[in-house]
Amino acid sequence: MGYVEKLRESAEKNGSIVCMGMDPVLEKIPISRGDAEKKITKFYTDILDAAESENAKPGILKPNYAFYAQYGFPGLRALENVMKYAHKKGLMVIMDGKRADIGKTSAAYAKEAFDFWKADSVTLAPYMGKDSLMPFIEQTEKGKGVYILVRTSNMGALDIQSLKVDGKTVFMKTAEKVAGDWHKPGVGAVVGATAPKELEEISKFFVSTGKEVPLLIPGVGAQGGTAQEVVSALKKSGNDLALHRINSSSGLNYAYEKYKTDDYAGAAVKAIKELNREIGFT
């Protein structure tokens, strides 16, 4: 089964296009015993257990590699534990590593992401061009996916992505590449929720090409984007919601702070349900 088909199947099965970012910050994990591996593993497995028990599984998970690597080998062992547990629960996993380098190095990164970590997909930075992306893109033939940074959610995106080249923004030039000679089924794009007009423009362009380009849409919640704006942009452009994933990280991970409760797992599930309702996928 191809990556696009897996996305649709997961969306229908779980009734969700929520992407739950999994970005551990030890100071915010309310577990007192154990090292980084044990705390992070328990935190996320408890949340996934609660989500399953309350029939509120997200549409996909997205651990950010750096948040685990910052804690050294205990953190990386926690990442392995969390990814294995996610797959055991039948959930897809995006490894958010924003990889890409010269060809041979990218081939090594691709082997790490897909063969060692067993990720279903990975985020990629396109600045070094096609040869840096192809070792990952080739894996789409094996049912894997990639999300290429097009218009990111951070403030600094304006520094380069909004520059004009031949009368077009760099992010639209990148979108043309994603739907052009970089495209294979399973090649997607990262487009931030914090720029809804640009999201609509990019989505409309992808739809116009007749190619299915899955979008990973970060920036909902703490960064200021809203699910309503995202859904509106996708619908206005005639895009199929089941193909895309709307990400929230800290708003789900640390929802216990918002709800003022010690039940971090229950709070995360409540936040997932609220985001599902806001999106209105089902």
Protein backbone atom coordinates (compact mmCIF):
# COMPACT_ATOMS: atom_id res chain seq x y z
CA MET A 1 0.00 0.00 0.00
CA GLY A 2 1.31 3.45 -0.92
CA TYR A 3 1.80 6.23 1.61
CA VAL A 4 -1.17 8.25 0.36
CA GLU A 5 -3.45 5.22 0.71
CA LYS A 6 -2.11 4.63 4.23
CA LEU A 7 -2.94 8.22 5.17
CA ARG A 8 -6.51 7.90 3.95
CA GLU A 9 -7.00 4.54 5.63
CA SER A 10 -5.63 5.89 8.94
CA ALA A 11 -7.86 8.98 8.77
CA GLU A 12 -10.98 6.92 8.20
CA LYS A 13 -10.06 4.26 10.76
CA ASN A 14 -9.28 6.74 13.55
CA GLY A 15 -11.74 9.41 12.49
CA SER A 16 -8.95 11.97 12.78
CA ILE A 17 -6.49 14.01 10.75
CA VAL A 18 -4.79 15.32 13.90
CA CYS A 19 -1.03 14.98 13.96
CA MET A 20 0.20 14.76 17.52
CA GLY A 21 3.67 16.18 17.81
CA MET A 22 5.67 14.37 20.48
CA ASP A 23 8.28 16.82 21.76
CA PRO A 24 9.48 15.84 25.24
CA VAL A 25 10.64 18.52 27.66
CA LEU A 26 11.67 16.80 30.88
CA GLU A 27 10.90 19.85 33.03
CA LYS A 28 7.27 19.66 31.85
CA ILE A 29 6.81 15.90 32.20
CA PRO A 30 5.12 15.38 35.61
CA ILE A 31 6.80 12.06 36.38
CA SER A 32 9.28 12.10 39.24
CA ARG A 33 10.93 8.70 39.05
CA GLY A 34 13.36 7.32 36.49
CA ASP A 35 15.85 8.65 33.97
CA ALA A 36 15.00 10.43 30.72
CA GLU A 37 14.25 7.16 28.92
CA LYS A 38 11.79 5.96 31.55
CA LYS A 39 10.06 9.31 32.04
CA ILE A 40 9.59 10.04 28.34
CA THR A 41 8.53 6.50 27.53
CA LYS A 42 5.96 6.36 30.33
CA PHE A 43 4.61 9.83 29.52
CA TYR A 44 3.84 9.00 25.89
CA THR A 45 2.79 5.38 26.33
CA ASP A 46 0.32 6.50 29.01
CA ILE A 47 -1.12 9.07 26.59
CA LEU A 48 -1.38 6.54 23.76
CA ASP A 49 -3.05 4.01 26.07
CA ALA A 50 -5.58 6.62 27.21
CA ALA A 51 -6.25 7.70 23.62
CA GLU A 52 -6.91 4.11 22.61
CA SER A 53 -9.16 3.41 25.60
CA GLU A 54 -11.26 6.51 24.86
CA ASN A 55 -11.37 5.89 21.10
CA ALA A 56 -9.48 9.11 20.42
CA LYS A 57 -6.42 8.02 18.50
CA PRO A 58 -4.78 10.82 16.49
CA GLY A 59 -4.39 10.46 12.73
CA ILE A 60 -0.59 10.28 12.97
CA LEU A 61 2.27 10.95 15.41
CA LYS A 62 5.28 13.21 14.87
CA PRO A 63 8.22 12.87 17.26
CA ASN A 64 10.82 15.60 16.72
CA TYR A 65 14.23 13.93 16.72
CA ALA A 66 16.02 16.85 18.43
CA PHE A 67 13.81 16.75 21.52
CA TYR A 68 14.97 13.19 22.17
CA ALA A 69 18.60 13.58 21.09
CA GLN A 70 19.08 16.48 23.52
CA TYR A 71 18.96 13.91 26.33
CA GLY A 72 21.63 11.70 24.78
CA PHE A 73 21.28 7.93 24.58
CA PRO A 74 18.49 7.74 27.20
CA GLY A 75 16.47 10.13 25.05
CA LEU A 76 17.17 8.19 21.87
CA ARG A 77 16.21 4.94 23.56
CA ALA A 78 12.96 6.64 24.57
CA LEU A 79 12.40 7.60 20.92
CA GLU A 80 12.85 3.98 19.89
CA ASN A 81 10.43 2.85 22.61
CA VAL A 82 7.81 5.43 21.66
CA MET A 83 8.00 4.64 17.94
CA LYS A 84 7.72 0.91 18.53
CA TYR A 85 4.75 1.44 20.85
CA ALA A 86 3.05 3.71 18.32
CA HIS A 87 3.32 1.04 15.63
CA LYS A 88 2.08 -1.56 18.09
CA LYS A 89 -1.01 0.65 18.51
CA GLY A 90 -1.44 0.78 14.74
CA LEU A 91 -0.43 4.44 14.45
CA MET A 92 1.68 5.95 11.67
CA VAL A 93 4.78 7.94 12.62
CA ILE A 94 6.45 10.92 10.96
CA MET A 95 10.06 11.38 12.05
CA ASP A 96 10.55 15.13 12.18
CA GLY A 97 14.26 15.43 11.51
CA LYS A 98 14.33 17.91 8.60
CA ARG A 99 17.07 15.88 6.95
CA ALA A 100 18.90 16.30 3.61
CA ASP A 101 22.56 16.60 2.69
CA ILE A 102 24.82 15.63 -0.21
CA GLY A 103 23.72 12.39 -1.87
CA LYS A 104 25.73 9.79 0.06
CA THR A 105 25.00 11.47 3.38
CA SER A 106 21.30 11.65 2.57
CA ALA A 107 21.37 7.95 1.72
CA ALA A 108 22.75 7.26 5.20
CA TYR A 109 20.11 9.50 6.80
CA ALA A 110 17.37 7.73 4.81
CA LYS A 111 18.65 4.36 5.96
CA GLU A 112 18.60 5.58 9.57
CA ALA A 113 15.06 6.98 9.35
CA PHE A 114 13.41 4.13 7.50
CA ASP A 115 15.48 1.03 8.29
CA PHE A 116 16.60 1.71 11.87
CA TRP A 117 13.83 3.92 13.29
CA LYS A 118 11.15 2.34 11.07
CA ALA A 119 9.55 5.73 10.42
CA ASP A 120 6.62 5.85 8.01
CA SER A 121 7.72 9.25 6.75
CA VAL A 122 10.27 11.97 7.37
CA THR A 123 10.52 15.75 7.04
CA LEU A 124 13.12 17.13 4.60
CA ALA A 125 14.84 20.48 4.02
CA PRO A 126 15.07 21.19 0.25
CA TYR A 127 17.80 23.85 0.17
CA MET A 128 20.45 21.50 -1.28
CA GLY A 129 18.23 20.37 -4.13
CA LYS A 130 17.12 17.20 -5.84
CA ASP A 131 20.17 14.99 -5.27
CA SER A 132 19.89 15.58 -1.52
CA LEU A 133 16.21 14.55 -1.54
CA MET A 134 16.21 11.55 -3.88
CA PRO A 135 17.53 8.92 -1.42
CA PHE A 136 14.41 9.65 0.65
CA ILE A 137 11.99 10.10 -2.26
CA GLU A 138 13.04 6.74 -3.71
CA GLN A 139 11.67 5.10 -0.57
CA THR A 140 8.14 6.15 -1.55
CA GLU A 141 8.18 3.13 -3.84
CA LYS A 142 8.24 1.05 -0.64
CA GLY A 143 5.22 2.81 0.86
CA LYS A 144 7.18 5.48 2.72
CA GLY A 145 6.44 9.19 2.67
CA VAL A 146 8.37 12.46 2.76
CA TYR A 147 7.31 15.99 3.68
CA ILE A 148 9.41 18.71 2.06
CA LEU A 149 9.56 22.11 3.76
CA VAL A 150 7.69 24.58 1.54
CA ARG A 151 6.26 27.37 3.70
CA THR A 152 7.12 26.84 7.35
CA SER A 153 5.27 28.17 10.41
CA ASN A 154 8.12 30.06 12.09
CA MET A 155 8.63 33.84 11.90
CA GLY A 156 11.99 33.44 10.16
CA ALA A 157 10.26 31.80 7.20
CA LEU A 158 9.96 35.30 5.74
CA ASP A 159 13.75 35.67 5.49
CA ILE A 160 14.12 33.36 2.49
CA GLN A 161 10.85 31.62 1.67
CA SER A 162 9.02 34.85 0.81
CA LEU A 163 11.77 36.27 -1.42
CA LYS A 164 10.83 36.68 -5.08
CA VAL A 165 12.53 34.76 -7.90
CA ASP A 166 11.31 35.49 -11.43
CA GLY A 167 8.26 37.13 -9.92
CA LYS A 168 7.36 34.18 -7.68
CA THR A 169 8.05 33.53 -4.03
CA VAL A 170 10.65 30.95 -3.12
CA PHE A 171 7.94 28.90 -1.38
CA MET A 172 5.89 28.74 -4.59
CA LYS A 173 8.99 27.83 -6.59
CA THR A 174 9.57 25.03 -4.07
CA ALA A 175 5.93 23.93 -4.36
CA GLU A 176 6.39 23.72 -8.14
CA LYS A 177 9.36 21.40 -7.61
CA VAL A 178 7.39 19.26 -5.13
CA ALA A 179 4.63 18.76 -7.70
CA GLY A 180 7.10 18.65 -10.60
CA ASP A 181 10.33 16.72 -11.05
CA TRP A 182 10.57 15.85 -7.35
CA HIS A 183 7.13 14.28 -7.32
CA LYS A 184 6.26 10.66 -6.73
CA PRO A 185 3.16 9.36 -4.93
CA GLY A 186 3.98 9.87 -1.25
CA VAL A 187 5.87 13.14 -1.67
CA GLY A 188 4.25 15.79 0.49
CA ALA A 189 4.89 19.29 1.77
CA VAL A 190 5.16 21.10 5.09
CA VAL A 191 3.01 24.24 5.03
CA GLY A 192 2.41 26.17 8.25
CA ALA A 193 -0.95 27.02 9.78
CA THR A 194 0.38 30.46 10.72
CA ALA A 195 0.12 31.67 7.11
CA PRO A 196 -3.42 30.68 6.04
CA LYS A 197 -3.40 32.75 2.83
CA GLU A 198 -0.18 31.12 1.68
CA LEU A 199 -1.56 27.73 2.72
CA GLU A 200 -4.61 28.27 0.54
CA GLU A 201 -2.43 29.44 -2.37
CA ILE A 202 -0.16 26.38 -2.12
CA SER A 203 -3.06 23.98 -1.64
CA LYS A 204 -4.90 25.43 -4.64
CA PHE A 205 -1.76 25.03 -6.75
CA PHE A 206 -1.30 21.39 -5.77
CA VAL A 207 -4.95 20.63 -6.52
CA SER A 208 -4.59 22.31 -9.93
CA THR A 209 -1.77 19.94 -10.88
CA GLY A 210 -4.01 16.90 -10.42
CA LYS A 211 -1.37 15.34 -8.15
CA GLU A 212 -2.03 14.24 -4.59
CA VAL A 213 0.42 16.05 -2.33
CA PRO A 214 -0.09 15.31 1.38
CA LEU A 215 0.34 18.35 3.59
CA LEU A 216 1.80 18.38 7.08
CA ILE A 217 0.46 21.54 8.68
CA PRO A 218 2.22 22.64 11.90
CA GLY A 219 1.67 25.80 13.89
CA VAL A 220 -1.75 25.21 15.43
CA GLY A 221 -1.97 26.27 19.06
CA ALA A 222 1.14 27.75 20.69
CA GLN A 223 2.43 29.24 17.42
CA GLY A 224 -0.86 31.03 16.78
CA GLY A 225 -2.45 29.10 13.95
CA THR A 226 -6.02 27.79 14.19
CA ALA A 227 -7.56 24.59 12.93
CA GLN A 228 -10.58 26.50 11.57
CA GLU A 229 -8.36 28.62 9.31
CA VAL A 230 -6.52 25.53 8.10
CA VAL A 231 -9.71 23.63 7.28
CA SER A 232 -11.18 26.69 5.57
CA ALA A 233 -8.08 27.08 3.39
CA LEU A 234 -8.11 23.40 2.40
CA LYS A 235 -11.82 23.40 1.62
CA LYS A 236 -11.64 26.64 -0.39
CA SER A 237 -8.93 25.11 -2.54
CA GLY A 238 -10.95 21.92 -3.09
CA ASN A 239 -8.52 19.69 -1.25
CA ASP A 240 -9.32 16.31 0.33
CA LEU A 241 -8.97 16.61 4.12
CA ALA A 242 -8.18 12.90 4.61
CA LEU A 243 -4.89 13.35 2.79
CA HIS A 244 -3.50 15.94 5.21
CA ARG A 245 -2.46 16.17 8.84
CA ILE A 246 -2.87 19.17 11.16
CA ASN A 247 -0.22 19.20 13.87
CA SER A 248 -0.32 20.32 17.46
CA SER A 249 2.52 19.49 19.83
CA SER A 250 2.71 21.29 23.18
CA GLY A 251 -1.04 21.97 23.14
CA LEU A 252 -1.64 18.21 23.28
CA ASN A 253 1.44 17.02 25.15
CA TYR A 254 1.07 19.42 28.05
CA ALA A 255 -2.69 19.97 28.04
CA TYR A 256 -2.71 19.10 31.76
CA GLU A 257 -1.36 22.62 32.37
CA LYS A 258 -4.32 24.21 30.59
CA TYR A 259 -6.87 22.01 32.34
CA LYS A 260 -5.10 22.30 35.70
CA THR A 261 -5.05 18.59 36.44
CA ASP A 262 -2.53 15.92 37.41
CA ASP A 263 -4.04 13.53 34.86
CA TYR A 264 -1.68 14.34 31.99
CA ALA A 265 -2.87 11.43 29.86
CA GLY A 266 -6.55 12.24 30.30
CA ALA A 267 -5.86 15.91 29.57
CA ALA A 268 -4.02 15.05 26.35
CA VAL A 269 -6.94 12.92 25.20
CA LYS A 270 -9.37 15.73 26.01
CA ALA A 271 -7.25 18.10 23.91
CA ILE A 272 -7.15 15.63 21.01
CA LYS A 273 -10.93 15.35 21.11
CA GLU A 274 -11.31 19.14 21.17
CA LEU A 275 -8.97 19.52 18.19
CA ASN A 276 -10.90 16.80 16.34
CA ARG A 277 -14.13 18.70 16.94
CA GLU A 278 -12.52 21.95 15.81
CA ILE A 279 -11.36 20.31 12.59
CA GLY A 280 -14.69 18.57 12.01
CA PHE A 281 -13.27 15.76 9.89
CA THR A 282 -16.02 13.30 10.86
